[in-house]
Structures are given as C-alpha cells and as structure tokens.
C-alpha cells in the first residue's frame, strides 16, 4: 500500500523517460551515445552528414537509403558510415 499522496506514475511517463536515456552504439569503430529511439537519419543529421552522400552499414548489413528515417538504432549497434566526396 502506498502512503497517502504518493501516486504511481502513468505508464506513459515511464516509457517516455526510457526514450530519453542514451544508448551506446559504435560508429566507424568509435563509441558514441545517442538518444534511445534515434534513427539512422537522426544520427547522420547529428554528425552533420548529407543522407544523399553516404552509405551506412548497420551490424554488417547495408541500410537502404530509403529506410534511414525508419531504422531505429538499438544498444550495441555497430555502424560503418562511408561519406562520398566529389573531386575533379
């Protein structure tokens, strides 16, 4: 039984709090913390890369560019990002 005045937080509050906790991933061999629920596209924006000029491999599988906005990062993910550079 709870003491008077103490209420259990709503389930959504617990879920929302877990979404803000950082998760550890590896990007090009370096550890990096990102927000839980971040997508590949969000990571690329945070790094400052143009999604049209990169290729991303997640856990040894190529991530199709069309899915960058929908592929959520998970704890322990290992990403390799290749940035294309034009020259002449």
PDB file of N, CA and C in Angstrom:
ATOM      1  N   UNK A   1       0.840  -1.181   0.000  1.00  0.00           N
ATOM      2  CA  UNK A   1       0.000   0.000   0.000  1.00  0.00           C
ATOM      3  C   UNK A   1       0.881   1.239   0.000  1.00  0.00           C
ATOM      4  N   UNK A   2       0.503   2.225  -0.779  1.00  0.00           N
ATOM      5  CA  UNK A   2       1.264   3.460  -0.889  1.00  0.00           C
ATOM      6  C   UNK A   2       0.820   4.450   0.186  1.00  0.00           C
ATOM      7  N   UNK A   3       1.781   5.211   0.709  1.00  0.00           N
ATOM      8  CA  UNK A   3       1.397   6.272   1.641  1.00  0.00           C
ATOM      9  C   UNK A   3       0.489   7.273   0.939  1.00  0.00           C
ATOM     10  N   UNK A   4      -0.379   7.949   1.687  1.00  0.00           N
ATOM     11  CA  UNK A   4      -1.270   8.937   1.071  1.00  0.00           C
ATOM     12  C   UNK A   4      -0.462  10.000   0.333  1.00  0.00           C
ATOM     13  N   UNK A   5      -0.954  10.415  -0.793  1.00  0.00           N
ATOM     14  CA  UNK A   5      -0.315  11.468  -1.578  1.00  0.00           C
ATOM     15  C   UNK A   5       0.692  10.966  -2.597  1.00  0.00           C
ATOM     16  N   UNK A   6       1.118   9.710  -2.497  1.00  0.00           N
ATOM     17  CA  UNK A   6       2.046   9.166  -3.482  1.00  0.00           C
ATOM     18  C   UNK A   6       1.271   8.350  -4.500  1.00  0.00           C
ATOM     19  N   UNK A   7       1.450   8.717  -5.742  1.00  0.00           N
ATOM     20  CA  UNK A   7       0.755   8.005  -6.813  1.00  0.00           C
ATOM     21  C   UNK A   7       1.774   7.357  -7.713  1.00  0.00           C
ATOM     22  N   UNK A   8       1.370   6.286  -8.306  1.00  0.00           N
ATOM     23  CA  UNK A   8       2.219   5.607  -9.280  1.00  0.00           C
ATOM     24  C   UNK A   8       2.248   6.452 -10.551  1.00  0.00           C
ATOM     25  N   UNK A   9       3.446   6.676 -11.138  1.00  0.00           N
ATOM     26  CA  UNK A   9       3.484   7.441 -12.387  1.00  0.00           C
ATOM     27  C   UNK A   9       2.764   6.684 -13.493  1.00  0.00           C
ATOM     28  N   UNK A  10       2.139   7.410 -14.392  1.00  0.00           N
ATOM     29  CA  UNK A  10       1.472   6.727 -15.505  1.00  0.00           C
ATOM     30  C   UNK A  10       2.481   5.932 -16.328  1.00  0.00           C
ATOM     31  N   UNK A  11       2.011   4.867 -16.956  1.00  0.00           N
ATOM     32  CA  UNK A  11       2.896   4.030 -17.776  1.00  0.00           C
ATOM     33  C   UNK A  11       3.590   4.840 -18.854  1.00  0.00           C
ATOM     34  N   UNK A  12       2.888   5.800 -19.416  1.00  0.00           N
ATOM     35  CA  UNK A  12       3.496   6.606 -20.475  1.00  0.00           C
ATOM     36  C   UNK A  12       4.712   7.356 -19.950  1.00  0.00           C
ATOM     37  N   UNK A  13       4.637   7.859 -18.716  1.00  0.00           N
ATOM     38  CA  UNK A  13       5.763   8.596 -18.149  1.00  0.00           C
ATOM     39  C   UNK A  13       6.992   7.694 -18.064  1.00  0.00           C
ATOM     40  N   UNK A  14       6.804   6.455 -17.665  1.00  0.00           N
ATOM     41  CA  UNK A  14       7.914   5.512 -17.586  1.00  0.00           C
ATOM     42  C   UNK A  14       8.468   5.240 -18.980  1.00  0.00           C
ATOM     43  N   UNK A  15       7.581   5.043 -19.953  1.00  0.00           N
ATOM     44  CA  UNK A  15       8.010   4.807 -21.327  1.00  0.00           C
ATOM     45  C   UNK A  15       8.747   6.022 -21.872  1.00  0.00           C
ATOM     46  N   UNK A  16       8.198   7.214 -21.663  1.00  0.00           N
ATOM     47  CA  UNK A  16       8.819   8.433 -22.177  1.00  0.00           C
ATOM     48  C   UNK A  16      10.192   8.645 -21.549  1.00  0.00           C
ATOM     49  N   UNK A  17      10.326   8.352 -20.260  1.00  0.00           N
ATOM     50  CA  UNK A  17      11.620   8.506 -19.599  1.00  0.00           C
ATOM     51  C   UNK A  17      12.649   7.563 -20.205  1.00  0.00           C
ATOM     52  N   UNK A  18      12.235   6.350 -20.548  1.00  0.00           N
ATOM     53  CA  UNK A  18      13.180   5.403 -21.125  1.00  0.00           C
ATOM     54  C   UNK A  18      13.606   5.825 -22.526  1.00  0.00           C
ATOM     55  N   UNK A  19      12.775   6.587 -23.221  1.00  0.00           N
ATOM     56  CA  UNK A  19      13.117   7.038 -24.568  1.00  0.00           C
ATOM     57  C   UNK A  19      14.198   8.106 -24.547  1.00  0.00           C
ATOM     58  N   UNK A  20      14.390   8.780 -23.419  1.00  0.00           N
ATOM     59  CA  UNK A  20      15.378   9.842 -23.358  1.00  0.00           C
ATOM     60  C   UNK A  20      16.726   9.354 -22.845  1.00  0.00           C
ATOM     61  N   UNK A  21      16.801   8.124 -22.361  1.00  0.00           N
ATOM     62  CA  UNK A  21      18.061   7.585 -21.875  1.00  0.00           C
ATOM     63  C   UNK A  21      18.984   7.314 -23.056  1.00  0.00           C
ATOM     64  N   UNK A  22      20.247   7.695 -22.934  1.00  0.00           N
ATOM     65  CA  UNK A  22      21.175   7.418 -24.035  1.00  0.00           C
ATOM     66  C   UNK A  22      21.464   5.929 -24.160  1.00  0.00           C
ATOM     67  N   UNK A  23      21.754   5.532 -25.377  1.00  0.00           N
ATOM     68  CA  UNK A  23      22.181   4.163 -25.638  1.00  0.00           C
ATOM     69  C   UNK A  23      23.559   4.222 -26.284  1.00  0.00           C
ATOM     70  N   UNK A  24      24.348   3.186 -26.083  1.00  0.00           N
ATOM     71  CA  UNK A  24      25.703   3.142 -26.626  1.00  0.00           C
ATOM     72  C   UNK A  24      25.703   2.384 -27.952  1.00  0.00           C
ATOM     73  N   UNK A  25      26.296   3.010 -28.953  1.00  0.00           N
ATOM     74  CA  UNK A  25      26.485   2.379 -30.256  1.00  0.00           C
ATOM     75  C   UNK A  25      27.940   2.605 -30.658  1.00  0.00           C
ATOM     76  N   UNK A  26      28.347   1.973 -31.731  1.00  0.00           N
ATOM     77  CA  UNK A  26      29.688   2.182 -32.272  1.00  0.00           C
ATOM     78  C   UNK A  26      29.559   2.690 -33.694  1.00  0.00           C
ATOM     79  N   UNK A  27      30.225   3.804 -33.976  1.00  0.00           N
ATOM     80  CA  UNK A  27      30.193   4.395 -35.314  1.00  0.00           C
ATOM     81  C   UNK A  27      31.628   4.469 -35.824  1.00  0.00           C
ATOM     82  N   UNK A  28      31.880   3.771 -36.912  1.00  0.00           N
ATOM     83  CA  UNK A  28      33.221   3.722 -37.514  1.00  0.00           C
ATOM     84  C   UNK A  28      34.285   3.393 -36.468  1.00  0.00           C
ATOM     85  N   UNK A  29      33.978   2.430 -35.590  1.00  0.00           N
ATOM     86  CA  UNK A  29      34.931   1.967 -34.604  1.00  0.00           C
ATOM     87  C   UNK A  29      35.023   2.788 -33.327  1.00  0.00           C
ATOM     88  N   UNK A  30      34.249   3.877 -33.230  1.00  0.00           N
ATOM     89  CA  UNK A  30      34.295   4.733 -32.038  1.00  0.00           C
ATOM     90  C   UNK A  30      32.971   4.666 -31.297  1.00  0.00           C
ATOM     91  N   UNK A  31      33.051   4.567 -29.971  1.00  0.00           N
ATOM     92  CA  UNK A  31      31.836   4.545 -29.147  1.00  0.00           C
ATOM     93  C   UNK A  31      31.151   5.896 -29.198  1.00  0.00           C
ATOM     94  N   UNK A  32      29.828   5.828 -29.186  1.00  0.00           N
ATOM     95  CA  UNK A  32      29.037   7.071 -29.245  1.00  0.00           C
ATOM     96  C   UNK A  32      27.715   6.816 -28.533  1.00  0.00           C
ATOM     97  N   UNK A  33      27.253   7.791 -27.767  1.00  0.00           N
ATOM     98  CA  UNK A  33      25.946   7.708 -27.126  1.00  0.00           C
ATOM     99  C   UNK A  33      24.942   8.485 -27.961  1.00  0.00           C
ATOM    100  N   UNK A  34      23.780   7.885 -28.158  1.00  0.00           N
ATOM    101  CA  UNK A  34      22.679   8.551 -28.861  1.00  0.00           C
ATOM    102  C   UNK A  34      21.416   8.366 -28.034  1.00  0.00           C
ATOM    103  N   UNK A  35      20.419   9.158 -28.313  1.00  0.00           N
ATOM    104  CA  UNK A  35      19.151   9.033 -27.598  1.00  0.00           C
ATOM    105  C   UNK A  35      18.430   7.766 -28.041  1.00  0.00           C
ATOM    106  N   UNK A  36      17.826   7.093 -27.081  1.00  0.00           N
ATOM    107  CA  UNK A  36      17.029   5.915 -27.416  1.00  0.00           C
ATOM    108  C   UNK A  36      15.936   6.337 -28.383  1.00  0.00           C
ATOM    109  N   UNK A  37      15.717   5.552 -29.398  1.00  0.00           N
ATOM    110  CA  UNK A  37      14.696   5.872 -30.387  1.00  0.00           C
ATOM    111  C   UNK A  37      15.214   6.650 -31.580  1.00  0.00           C
ATOM    112  N   UNK A  38      16.469   7.125 -31.517  1.00  0.00           N
ATOM    113  CA  UNK A  38      17.037   7.830 -32.668  1.00  0.00           C
ATOM    114  C   UNK A  38      17.107   6.887 -33.864  1.00  0.00           C
ATOM    115  N   UNK A  39      16.979   7.460 -35.036  1.00  0.00           N
ATOM    116  CA  UNK A  39      17.062   6.703 -36.278  1.00  0.00           C
ATOM    117  C   UNK A  39      18.413   6.930 -36.941  1.00  0.00           C
ATOM    118  N   UNK A  40      18.673   6.171 -37.977  1.00  0.00           N
ATOM    119  CA  UNK A  40      19.895   6.374 -38.754  1.00  0.00           C
ATOM    120  C   UNK A  40      19.923   7.801 -39.291  1.00  0.00           C
ATOM    121  N   UNK A  41      18.798   8.299 -39.780  1.00  0.00           N
ATOM    122  CA  UNK A  41      18.736   9.666 -40.305  1.00  0.00           C
ATOM    123  C   UNK A  41      19.069  10.692 -39.222  1.00  0.00           C
ATOM    124  N   UNK A  42      18.555  10.498 -38.003  1.00  0.00           N
ATOM    125  CA  UNK A  42      18.836  11.424 -36.901  1.00  0.00           C
ATOM    126  C   UNK A  42      20.330  11.422 -36.571  1.00  0.00           C
ATOM    127  N   UNK A  43      20.940  10.251 -36.580  1.00  0.00           N
ATOM    128  CA  UNK A  43      22.376  10.163 -36.320  1.00  0.00           C
ATOM    129  C   UNK A  43      23.161  10.909 -37.394  1.00  0.00           C
ATOM    130  N   UNK A  44      22.806  10.705 -38.639  1.00  0.00           N
ATOM    131  CA  UNK A  44      23.514  11.380 -39.725  1.00  0.00           C
ATOM    132  C   UNK A  44      23.382  12.899 -39.614  1.00  0.00           C
ATOM    133  N   UNK A  45      22.180  13.376 -39.264  1.00  0.00           N
ATOM    134  CA  UNK A  45      21.994  14.821 -39.067  1.00  0.00           C
ATOM    135  C   UNK A  45      22.863  15.323 -37.915  1.00  0.00           C
ATOM    136  N   UNK A  46      22.911  14.560 -36.820  1.00  0.00           N
ATOM    137  CA  UNK A  46      23.703  14.965 -35.656  1.00  0.00           C
ATOM    138  C   UNK A  46      25.190  15.050 -35.998  1.00  0.00           C
ATOM    139  N   UNK A  47      25.650  14.152 -36.854  1.00  0.00           N
ATOM    140  CA  UNK A  47      27.050  14.151 -37.275  1.00  0.00           C
ATOM    141  C   UNK A  47      27.304  15.254 -38.306  1.00  0.00           C
ATOM    142  N   UNK A  48      26.247  15.686 -38.980  1.00  0.00           N
ATOM    143  CA  UNK A  48      26.380  16.729 -39.997  1.00  0.00           C
ATOM    144  C   UNK A  48      26.614  16.195 -41.391  1.00  0.00           C
ATOM    145  N   UNK A  49      26.130  14.985 -41.647  1.00  0.00           N
ATOM    146  CA  UNK A  49      26.314  14.381 -42.961  1.00  0.00           C
ATOM    147  C   UNK A  49      25.033  14.432 -43.775  1.00  0.00           C
ATOM    148  N   UNK A  50      25.190  14.646 -45.059  1.00  0.00           N
ATOM    149  CA  UNK A  50      24.070  14.665 -46.003  1.00  0.00           C
ATOM    150  C   UNK A  50      23.684  13.216 -46.315  1.00  0.00           C
ATOM    151  N   UNK A  51      22.437  12.869 -46.056  1.00  0.00           N
ATOM    152  CA  UNK A  51      21.987  11.488 -46.261  1.00  0.00           C
ATOM    153  C   UNK A  51      22.123  11.043 -47.717  1.00  0.00           C
ATOM    154  N   UNK A  52      22.186  11.995 -48.634  1.00  0.00           N
ATOM    155  CA  UNK A  52      22.308  11.642 -50.052  1.00  0.00           C
ATOM    156  C   UNK A  52      23.728  11.270 -50.436  1.00  0.00           C
ATOM    157  N   UNK A  53      24.697  11.563 -49.549  1.00  0.00           N
ATOM    158  CA  UNK A  53      26.098  11.354 -49.905  1.00  0.00           C
ATOM    159  C   UNK A  53      26.814  10.361 -49.011  1.00  0.00           C
ATOM    160  N   UNK A  54      26.039   9.464 -48.385  1.00  0.00           N
ATOM    161  CA  UNK A  54      26.659   8.467 -47.520  1.00  0.00           C
ATOM    162  C   UNK A  54      26.069   7.088 -47.782  1.00  0.00           C
ATOM    163  N   UNK A  55      26.825   6.087 -47.387  1.00  0.00           N
ATOM    164  CA  UNK A  55      26.332   4.708 -47.346  1.00  0.00           C
ATOM    165  C   UNK A  55      26.485   4.260 -45.894  1.00  0.00           C
ATOM    166  N   UNK A  56      25.493   3.539 -45.391  1.00  0.00           N
ATOM    167  CA  UNK A  56      25.510   3.112 -43.998  1.00  0.00           C
ATOM    168  C   UNK A  56      25.369   1.597 -43.917  1.00  0.00           C
ATOM    169  N   UNK A  57      26.242   1.004 -43.131  1.00  0.00           N
ATOM    170  CA  UNK A  57      26.165  -0.416 -42.824  1.00  0.00           C
ATOM    171  C   UNK A  57      25.862  -0.521 -41.330  1.00  0.00           C
ATOM    172  N   UNK A  58      24.838  -1.300 -40.999  1.00  0.00           N
ATOM    173  CA  UNK A  58      24.448  -1.492 -39.596  1.00  0.00           C
ATOM    174  C   UNK A  58      24.539  -2.976 -39.284  1.00  0.00           C
ATOM    175  N   UNK A  59      25.387  -3.314 -38.351  1.00  0.00           N
ATOM    176  CA  UNK A  59      25.578  -4.716 -37.957  1.00  0.00           C
ATOM    177  C   UNK A  59      25.841  -5.610 -39.168  1.00  0.00           C
ATOM    178  N   UNK A  60      26.726  -5.138 -40.024  1.00  0.00           N
ATOM    179  CA  UNK A  60      27.187  -5.854 -41.215  1.00  0.00           C
ATOM    180  C   UNK A  60      26.132  -6.029 -42.298  1.00  0.00           C
ATOM    181  N   UNK A  61      25.092  -5.195 -42.267  1.00  0.00           N
ATOM    182  CA  UNK A  61      24.082  -5.195 -43.335  1.00  0.00           C
ATOM    183  C   UNK A  61      23.889  -3.771 -43.829  1.00  0.00           C
ATOM    184  N   UNK A  62      23.833  -3.616 -45.147  1.00  0.00           N
ATOM    185  CA  UNK A  62      23.623  -2.303 -45.736  1.00  0.00           C
ATOM    186  C   UNK A  62      22.220  -1.813 -45.382  1.00  0.00           C
ATOM    187  N   UNK A  63      22.136  -0.541 -44.983  1.00  0.00           N
ATOM    188  CA  UNK A  63      20.842   0.077 -44.691  1.00  0.00           C
ATOM    189  C   UNK A  63      20.410   0.821 -45.954  1.00  0.00           C
ATOM    190  N   UNK A  64      19.296   0.437 -46.568  1.00  0.00           N
ATOM    191  CA  UNK A  64      18.845   1.159 -47.759  1.00  0.00           C
ATOM    192  C   UNK A  64      18.552   2.623 -47.424  1.00  0.00           C
ATOM    193  N   UNK A  65      19.002   3.520 -48.274  1.00  0.00           N
ATOM    194  CA  UNK A  65      18.819   4.956 -48.046  1.00  0.00           C
ATOM    195  C   UNK A  65      17.351   5.300 -47.802  1.00  0.00           C
ATOM    196  N   UNK A  66      16.452   4.609 -48.459  1.00  0.00           N
ATOM    197  CA  UNK A  66      15.019   4.895 -48.318  1.00  0.00           C
ATOM    198  C   UNK A  66      14.486   4.561 -46.925  1.00  0.00           C
ATOM    199  N   UNK A  67      15.275   3.846 -46.116  1.00  0.00           N
ATOM    200  CA  UNK A  67      14.806   3.462 -44.775  1.00  0.00           C
ATOM    201  C   UNK A  67      15.519   4.212 -43.650  1.00  0.00           C
ATOM    202  N   UNK A  68      16.403   5.147 -43.965  1.00  0.00           N
ATOM    203  CA  UNK A  68      17.145   5.871 -42.921  1.00  0.00           C
ATOM    204  C   UNK A  68      16.217   6.481 -41.871  1.00  0.00           C
ATOM    205  N   UNK A  69      15.075   7.014 -42.304  1.00  0.00           N
ATOM    206  CA  UNK A  69      14.141   7.652 -41.365  1.00  0.00           C
ATOM    207  C   UNK A  69      13.395   6.652 -40.491  1.00  0.00           C
ATOM    208  N   UNK A  70      13.347   5.401 -40.872  1.00  0.00           N
ATOM    209  CA  UNK A  70      12.551   4.435 -40.114  1.00  0.00           C
ATOM    210  C   UNK A  70      13.378   3.391 -39.364  1.00  0.00           C
ATOM    211  N   UNK A  71      14.679   3.320 -39.612  1.00  0.00           N
ATOM    212  CA  UNK A  71      15.516   2.337 -38.927  1.00  0.00           C
ATOM    213  C   UNK A  71      15.994   2.936 -37.605  1.00  0.00           C
ATOM    214  N   UNK A  72      15.445   2.419 -36.498  1.00  0.00           N
ATOM    215  CA  UNK A  72      15.815   2.892 -35.166  1.00  0.00           C
ATOM    216  C   UNK A  72      17.105   2.222 -34.709  1.00  0.00           C
ATOM    217  N   UNK A  73      17.946   3.005 -34.064  1.00  0.00           N
ATOM    218  CA  UNK A  73      19.188   2.467 -33.522  1.00  0.00           C
ATOM    219  C   UNK A  73      18.898   1.726 -32.224  1.00  0.00           C
ATOM    220  N   UNK A  74      19.679   0.684 -31.963  1.00  0.00           N
ATOM    221  CA  UNK A  74      19.496  -0.136 -30.770  1.00  0.00           C
ATOM    222  C   UNK A  74      20.824  -0.220 -30.022  1.00  0.00           C
ATOM    223  N   UNK A  75      20.762  -0.448 -28.714  1.00  0.00           N
ATOM    224  CA  UNK A  75      22.003  -0.574 -27.949  1.00  0.00           C
ATOM    225  C   UNK A  75      22.922  -1.636 -28.556  1.00  0.00           C
ATOM    226  N   UNK A  76      24.191  -1.282 -28.677  1.00  0.00           N
ATOM    227  CA  UNK A  76      25.168  -2.224 -29.211  1.00  0.00           C
ATOM    228  C   UNK A  76      25.292  -2.239 -30.718  1.00  0.00           C
ATOM    229  N   UNK A  77      24.463  -1.454 -31.423  1.00  0.00           N
ATOM    230  CA  UNK A  77      24.581  -1.406 -32.882  1.00  0.00           C
ATOM    231  C   UNK A  77      25.988  -0.977 -33.273  1.00  0.00           C
ATOM    232  N   UNK A  78      26.472  -1.568 -34.367  1.00  0.00           N
ATOM    233  CA  UNK A  78      27.770  -1.207 -34.925  1.00  0.00           C
ATOM    234  C   UNK A  78      27.518  -0.677 -36.335  1.00  0.00           C
ATOM    235  N   UNK A  79      27.820   0.605 -36.524  1.00  0.00           N
ATOM    236  CA  UNK A  79      27.592   1.236 -37.813  1.00  0.00           C
ATOM    237  C   UNK A  79      28.903   1.632 -38.465  1.00  0.00           C
ATOM    238  N   UNK A  80      28.949   1.461 -39.759  1.00  0.00           N
ATOM    239  CA  UNK A  80      30.048   1.959 -40.575  1.00  0.00           C
ATOM    240  C   UNK A  80      29.417   2.929 -41.559  1.00  0.00           C
ATOM    241  N   UNK A  81      29.943   4.153 -41.588  1.00  0.00           N
ATOM    242  CA  UNK A  81      29.406   5.193 -42.459  1.00  0.00           C
ATOM    243  C   UNK A  81      30.510   5.615 -43.416  1.00  0.00           C
ATOM    244  N   UNK A  82      30.198   5.552 -44.685  1.00  0.00           N
ATOM    245  CA  UNK A  82      31.132   5.984 -45.725  1.00  0.00           C
ATOM    246  C   UNK A  82      30.573   7.238 -46.356  1.00  0.00           C
ATOM    247  N   UNK A  83      31.378   8.291 -46.376  1.00  0.00           N
ATOM    248  CA  UNK A  83      30.965   9.591 -46.926  1.00  0.00           C
ATOM    249  C   UNK A  83      31.627   9.773 -48.283  1.00  0.00           C
ATOM    250  N   UNK A  84      30.821  10.012 -49.297  1.00  0.00           N
ATOM    251  CA  UNK A  84      31.339  10.199 -50.642  1.00  0.00           C
ATOM    252  C   UNK A  84      31.775  11.633 -50.840  1.00  0.00           C
ATOM    253  N   UNK A  85      32.938  11.805 -51.425  1.00  0.00           N
ATOM    254  CA  UNK A  85      33.487  13.139 -51.661  1.00  0.00           C
ATOM    255  C   UNK A  85      33.744  13.291 -53.152  1.00  0.00           C
ATOM    256  N   UNK A  86      33.224  14.377 -53.719  1.00  0.00           N
ATOM    257  CA  UNK A  86      33.438  14.624 -55.139  1.00  0.00           C
ATOM    258  C   UNK A  86      34.740  15.411 -55.337  1.00  0.00           C
ATOM    259  N   UNK A  87      35.287  15.267 -56.471  1.00  0.00           N
ATOM    260  CA  UNK A  87      36.526  15.990 -56.764  1.00  0.00           C
ATOM    261  C   UNK A  87      36.745  16.060 -58.263  1.00  0.00           C
ATOM    262  N   UNK A  88      37.758  16.752 -58.629  1.00  0.00           N
ATOM    263  CA  UNK A  88      37.984  16.859 -60.046  1.00  0.00           C
ATOM    264  C   UNK A  88      39.380  17.150 -60.429  1.00  0.00           C
TER     265      UNK A  88
END
